[in-house]
Amino acid sequence: MKHLKSYKVFEALQSPEHWDIHDILLDLFEEFGYEVPEFVHKYPNQHNIQAGSIKWGQIDISDYWVFGAKCLRIRITDNSNRLLKKGGYKDFNGFYEVGTEKYKSILQEAHQRIIQVLEPVEVIVGSIGYYTRDLDLLYFYEKPTFERLGDVEIYGSNIGIKLDKLNITLESNSRHNNIFSVYSPHLMTSAMICLMGYYDRYFYNQDILKVMNSGTPIEKWIQSEWDNVCKKLKIKDGQKVNMDNPKITVAEFMSLLKKNQDNYESN
């Protein structure tokens, strides 16, 4: 299943089609001060098309691989929190209601034009994030598949799920798809859960709190649930992950945590 090689990034190679998309976005770039740095033009085989704005963040245009299919992805990164609300939102619903009207209007107009030009087989739009927030616009050249995603919600190329009983949110950004973060009611990161490490290949971790650990009860519960998974599936620390058919995906474990919320309350 190809999508289990998820979030594979193609070689950063610009194409005329990418520049066509850039031209469609020019009104947005000019209105909000996005500029393409010189190195993007100078080294076209080393960099995707990207544009930055001191006030509004960055826009990246690239070929991408997600959900088992190739797509063109426009990622808008709002690192100043002026555009996007914290949390996960589908379509263009993640914009702040006030102060972003013109930005959203220009972007949606460009979005419709891009659909006319690319004629994608499927389109996914969504945003996610708490500190750094990303809005993804995905235009698929091939039909994506959504197997082994459990009960998670899709936000662009990212996934998330709410554990209502525990009042926490789990989020996995495609920047690091082997990791998911846990956010508390106060929207502070209470844990960063690293199911898989990477050194020449992906491998399973047994201590999944090694990236960030503050010893909270939530963290200890998540680790105990992972210990049970490792025992059941015979996962050993450092064991190579078959990315074509892993014993468990990040999305499946996130979904398992939602299913097993009562285990936390019984501890």
Protein backbone atom coordinates (compact mmCIF):
# COMPACT_ATOMS: atom_id res chain seq x y z
CA MET A 1 0.00 0.00 0.00
CA LYS A 2 1.84 3.02 -1.28
CA HIS A 3 0.28 5.53 1.10
CA LEU A 4 2.10 3.90 3.99
CA LYS A 5 5.25 5.49 2.61
CA SER A 6 3.29 8.56 3.61
CA TYR A 7 4.50 12.11 3.31
CA LYS A 8 7.25 11.19 0.86
CA VAL A 9 8.56 14.43 -0.61
CA PHE A 10 9.61 14.36 -4.24
CA GLU A 11 12.96 15.75 -5.31
CA ALA A 12 12.78 19.51 -5.09
CA LEU A 13 12.57 20.17 -8.81
CA GLN A 14 10.64 23.10 -10.16
CA SER A 15 8.51 22.67 -13.23
CA PRO A 16 6.73 25.07 -15.59
CA GLU A 17 3.49 23.89 -13.98
CA HIS A 18 4.71 25.06 -10.58
CA TRP A 19 5.44 28.48 -12.00
CA ASP A 20 1.98 28.56 -13.55
CA ILE A 21 0.58 28.11 -10.03
CA HIS A 22 2.94 30.80 -8.79
CA ASP A 23 1.53 33.17 -11.43
CA ILE A 24 -2.03 32.39 -10.36
CA LEU A 25 -1.03 33.35 -6.80
CA LEU A 26 0.67 36.60 -7.85
CA ASP A 27 -2.22 38.79 -6.70
CA LEU A 28 -1.90 37.25 -3.23
CA PHE A 29 1.88 37.64 -3.26
CA GLU A 30 1.78 41.28 -4.28
CA GLU A 31 -1.07 42.26 -1.95
CA PHE A 32 0.55 40.70 1.12
CA GLY A 33 4.23 41.22 0.40
CA TYR A 34 5.37 37.68 -0.41
CA GLU A 35 8.73 37.56 -2.19
CA VAL A 36 10.50 34.65 -3.89
CA PRO A 37 14.14 34.59 -2.70
CA GLU A 38 16.92 34.68 -5.26
CA PHE A 39 18.20 31.18 -4.45
CA VAL A 40 14.89 29.70 -5.64
CA HIS A 41 15.57 31.12 -9.09
CA LYS A 42 19.31 30.41 -8.98
CA TYR A 43 19.05 26.74 -7.95
CA PRO A 44 15.82 25.43 -9.51
CA ASN A 45 16.83 21.78 -9.03
CA GLN A 46 17.47 22.21 -5.32
CA HIS A 47 14.50 24.20 -4.08
CA ASN A 48 10.75 24.13 -4.40
CA ILE A 49 9.10 27.39 -5.29
CA GLN A 50 8.68 29.29 -2.07
CA ALA A 51 7.82 32.84 -1.12
CA GLY A 52 8.14 34.59 2.21
CA SER A 53 6.50 37.55 3.91
CA ILE A 54 7.81 39.01 7.17
CA LYS A 55 4.26 39.66 8.34
CA TRP A 56 2.34 36.69 6.93
CA GLY A 57 4.76 33.73 6.84
CA GLN A 58 5.68 31.45 3.95
CA ILE A 59 4.06 29.81 0.94
CA ASP A 60 5.58 26.67 -0.57
CA ILE A 61 4.57 25.10 -3.91
CA SER A 62 5.76 21.55 -4.54
CA ASP A 63 4.93 18.08 -5.76
CA TYR A 64 4.05 15.91 -2.80
CA TRP A 65 3.16 12.32 -1.93
CA VAL A 66 0.42 11.72 0.61
CA PHE A 67 -2.44 9.24 1.08
CA GLY A 68 -0.92 6.98 -1.56
CA ALA A 69 -0.97 9.50 -4.38
CA LYS A 70 0.98 12.29 -5.99
CA CYS A 71 -0.41 15.79 -5.68
CA LEU A 72 0.60 19.40 -6.03
CA ARG A 73 0.65 20.94 -2.58
CA ILE A 74 0.45 24.59 -1.65
CA ARG A 75 1.40 24.96 2.00
CA ILE A 76 0.78 28.31 3.67
CA THR A 77 2.68 28.52 6.96
CA ASP A 78 1.37 31.12 9.40
CA ASN A 79 4.19 31.45 11.91
CA SER A 80 2.96 34.81 13.21
CA ASN A 81 -0.58 33.56 13.97
CA ARG A 82 -2.20 36.39 12.00
CA LEU A 83 -4.14 34.18 9.58
CA LEU A 84 -5.13 30.86 11.07
CA LYS A 85 -6.91 29.81 14.23
CA LYS A 86 -5.31 27.19 16.43
CA GLY A 87 -6.64 23.69 16.07
CA GLY A 88 -7.73 21.61 13.10
CA TYR A 89 -10.13 22.90 10.44
CA LYS A 90 -11.31 21.57 7.10
CA ASP A 91 -11.57 23.60 3.91
CA PHE A 92 -10.93 27.31 4.49
CA ASN A 93 -12.65 27.39 7.88
CA GLY A 94 -9.42 27.88 9.81
CA PHE A 95 -9.08 31.57 8.95
CA TYR A 96 -9.79 34.16 11.61
CA GLU A 97 -13.15 35.75 10.93
CA VAL A 98 -11.78 39.30 11.32
CA GLY A 99 -8.74 40.74 9.54
CA THR A 100 -8.28 37.99 6.96
CA GLU A 101 -11.23 38.62 4.67
CA LYS A 102 -9.21 39.97 1.75
CA TYR A 103 -6.53 37.30 2.06
CA LYS A 104 -9.13 34.53 2.12
CA SER A 105 -11.06 36.01 -0.82
CA ILE A 106 -7.99 36.31 -3.07
CA LEU A 107 -6.80 32.82 -2.10
CA GLN A 108 -10.18 31.20 -2.78
CA GLU A 109 -10.38 32.88 -6.18
CA ALA A 110 -6.89 31.57 -7.00
CA HIS A 111 -7.92 28.14 -5.70
CA GLN A 112 -10.79 27.93 -8.18
CA ARG A 113 -8.49 28.97 -11.01
CA ILE A 114 -5.93 26.31 -10.02
CA ILE A 115 -8.66 23.66 -10.15
CA GLN A 116 -9.54 24.80 -13.67
CA VAL A 117 -5.90 24.60 -14.76
CA LEU A 118 -4.86 21.33 -13.09
CA GLU A 119 -8.16 19.45 -13.31
CA PRO A 120 -7.23 17.36 -10.24
CA VAL A 121 -8.99 14.05 -9.52
CA GLU A 122 -9.50 15.17 -5.92
CA VAL A 123 -8.91 18.28 -3.82
CA ILE A 124 -8.31 18.48 -0.07
CA VAL A 125 -7.98 21.73 1.86
CA GLY A 126 -7.42 22.03 5.58
CA SER A 127 -5.38 23.67 8.32
CA ILE A 128 -3.89 22.50 11.59
CA GLY A 129 -1.54 23.75 14.29
CA TYR A 130 -1.20 25.55 17.59
CA TYR A 131 2.07 27.44 17.49
CA THR A 132 3.13 27.13 13.86
CA ARG A 133 -0.06 26.74 11.81
CA ASP A 134 -0.24 25.29 8.31
CA LEU A 135 -2.93 25.53 5.65
CA ASP A 136 -2.59 22.88 2.94
CA LEU A 137 -4.23 22.95 -0.48
CA LEU A 138 -3.79 19.55 -2.15
CA TYR A 139 -4.54 18.98 -5.84
CA PHE A 140 -4.25 15.26 -6.60
CA TYR A 141 -3.00 13.93 -9.92
CA GLU A 142 -3.97 10.43 -8.77
CA LYS A 143 -6.82 9.09 -6.67
CA PRO A 144 -5.77 9.08 -2.99
CA THR A 145 -6.53 6.22 -0.64
CA PHE A 146 -7.48 6.57 3.01
CA GLU A 147 -6.78 3.12 4.43
CA ARG A 148 -5.44 2.52 7.93
CA LEU A 149 -6.28 6.00 9.14
CA GLY A 150 -8.54 4.81 11.94
CA ASP A 151 -10.84 7.51 13.28
CA VAL A 152 -8.58 10.51 12.69
CA GLU A 153 -9.72 13.61 10.81
CA ILE A 154 -7.80 14.84 7.77
CA TYR A 155 -6.67 18.46 7.64
CA GLY A 156 -4.77 18.95 4.40
CA SER A 157 -1.84 16.53 4.55
CA ASN A 158 -2.10 16.33 8.36
CA ILE A 159 -4.23 14.32 10.79
CA GLY A 160 -5.79 14.99 14.17
CA ILE A 161 -8.22 13.54 16.68
CA LYS A 162 -9.94 14.80 19.84
CA LEU A 163 -10.14 12.75 23.01
CA ASP A 164 -13.27 14.36 24.41
CA LYS A 165 -13.34 12.55 27.73
CA LEU A 166 -9.80 13.65 28.52
CA ASN A 167 -10.17 17.09 26.94
CA ILE A 168 -7.01 16.76 24.88
CA THR A 169 -6.18 16.84 21.18
CA LEU A 170 -3.71 14.69 19.27
CA GLU A 171 -2.13 16.09 16.11
CA SER A 172 0.33 14.71 13.58
CA ASN A 173 1.71 17.26 11.14
CA SER A 174 3.13 15.86 7.91
CA ARG A 175 6.36 17.73 8.65
CA HIS A 176 7.12 14.79 10.98
CA ASN A 177 4.63 12.03 10.31
CA ASN A 178 6.33 9.60 12.71
CA ILE A 179 5.39 11.86 15.64
CA PHE A 180 2.21 13.23 17.12
CA SER A 181 1.74 15.94 19.72
CA VAL A 182 -0.65 16.09 22.66
CA TYR A 183 -2.30 19.41 23.48
CA SER A 184 -3.95 20.18 26.79
CA PRO A 185 -6.98 22.46 27.36
CA HIS A 186 -4.63 25.41 27.74
CA LEU A 187 -3.13 24.51 24.35
CA MET A 188 0.28 23.82 25.79
CA THR A 189 2.20 20.86 24.42
CA SER A 190 1.99 18.30 27.19
CA ALA A 191 3.82 15.64 25.19
CA MET A 192 5.46 14.87 21.88
CA ILE A 193 4.99 11.18 21.11
CA CYS A 194 7.65 9.65 18.85
CA LEU A 195 6.48 6.19 17.77
CA MET A 196 9.21 5.83 15.18
CA GLY A 197 12.75 7.09 14.91
CA TYR A 198 14.73 7.49 11.73
CA TYR A 199 18.36 6.77 10.91
CA ASP A 200 18.75 5.55 7.32
CA ARG A 201 15.38 3.82 7.87
CA TYR A 202 12.37 4.02 10.17
CA PHE A 203 12.44 1.95 13.35
CA TYR A 204 10.06 1.58 16.27
CA ASN A 205 10.73 3.18 19.65
CA GLN A 206 9.59 1.51 22.84
CA ASP A 207 10.21 4.64 24.89
CA ILE A 208 7.98 6.97 22.91
CA LEU A 209 8.44 9.90 25.28
CA LYS A 210 12.14 10.36 24.61
CA VAL A 211 11.63 13.49 22.47
CA MET A 212 9.78 15.47 25.12
CA ASN A 213 8.77 14.20 28.54
CA SER A 214 7.47 16.12 31.52
CA GLY A 215 6.16 13.07 33.37
CA THR A 216 2.47 13.96 33.29
CA PRO A 217 -0.22 11.34 34.00
CA ILE A 218 -1.38 11.64 30.37
CA GLU A 219 2.11 10.79 29.16
CA LYS A 220 2.38 7.80 31.47
CA TRP A 221 -1.00 6.53 30.26
CA ILE A 222 0.00 6.90 26.58
CA GLN A 223 3.24 5.04 27.27
CA SER A 224 1.33 2.24 29.02
CA GLU A 225 -1.03 1.91 26.03
CA TRP A 226 1.99 1.72 23.73
CA ASP A 227 3.59 -0.92 25.96
CA ASN A 228 0.44 -3.02 25.51
CA VAL A 229 0.61 -2.55 21.74
CA CYS A 230 4.26 -3.57 21.65
CA LYS A 231 3.50 -6.70 23.67
CA LYS A 232 0.52 -7.64 21.50
CA LEU A 233 2.23 -6.98 18.17
CA LYS A 234 5.69 -8.17 19.32
CA ILE A 235 7.34 -4.83 18.59
CA LYS A 236 10.89 -4.48 19.86
CA ASP A 237 12.86 -1.31 20.42
CA GLY A 238 14.78 -0.43 17.26
CA GLN A 239 12.83 -2.89 15.13
CA LYS A 240 12.74 -1.91 11.46
CA VAL A 241 9.38 -0.60 10.24
CA ASN A 242 8.07 -2.04 7.01
CA MET A 243 6.56 1.17 5.67
CA ASP A 244 4.59 -0.77 3.04
CA ASN A 245 2.80 -2.66 5.78
CA PRO A 246 3.69 -1.45 9.31
CA LYS A 247 2.47 -3.34 12.33
CA ILE A 248 0.64 -0.18 13.39
CA THR A 249 0.38 3.32 11.94
CA VAL A 250 0.52 6.59 13.86
CA ALA A 251 -3.11 7.20 12.93
CA GLU A 252 -4.15 3.79 14.24
CA PHE A 253 -2.44 4.38 17.57
CA MET A 254 -4.01 7.83 17.89
CA SER A 255 -7.39 6.20 17.25
CA LEU A 256 -6.65 3.47 19.81
CA LEU A 257 -6.02 6.14 22.44
CA LYS A 258 -9.43 7.62 21.74
CA LYS A 259 -11.02 4.20 22.07
CA ASN A 260 -9.20 3.46 25.35
CA GLN A 261 -9.82 6.75 27.17
CA ASP A 262 -11.57 4.91 29.99
CA ASN A 263 -8.31 3.12 30.75
CA TYR A 264 -6.85 6.46 31.80
CA GLU A 265 -9.76 7.25 34.06
CA SER A 266 -9.45 3.85 35.74
CA ASN A 267 -5.78 4.31 36.59
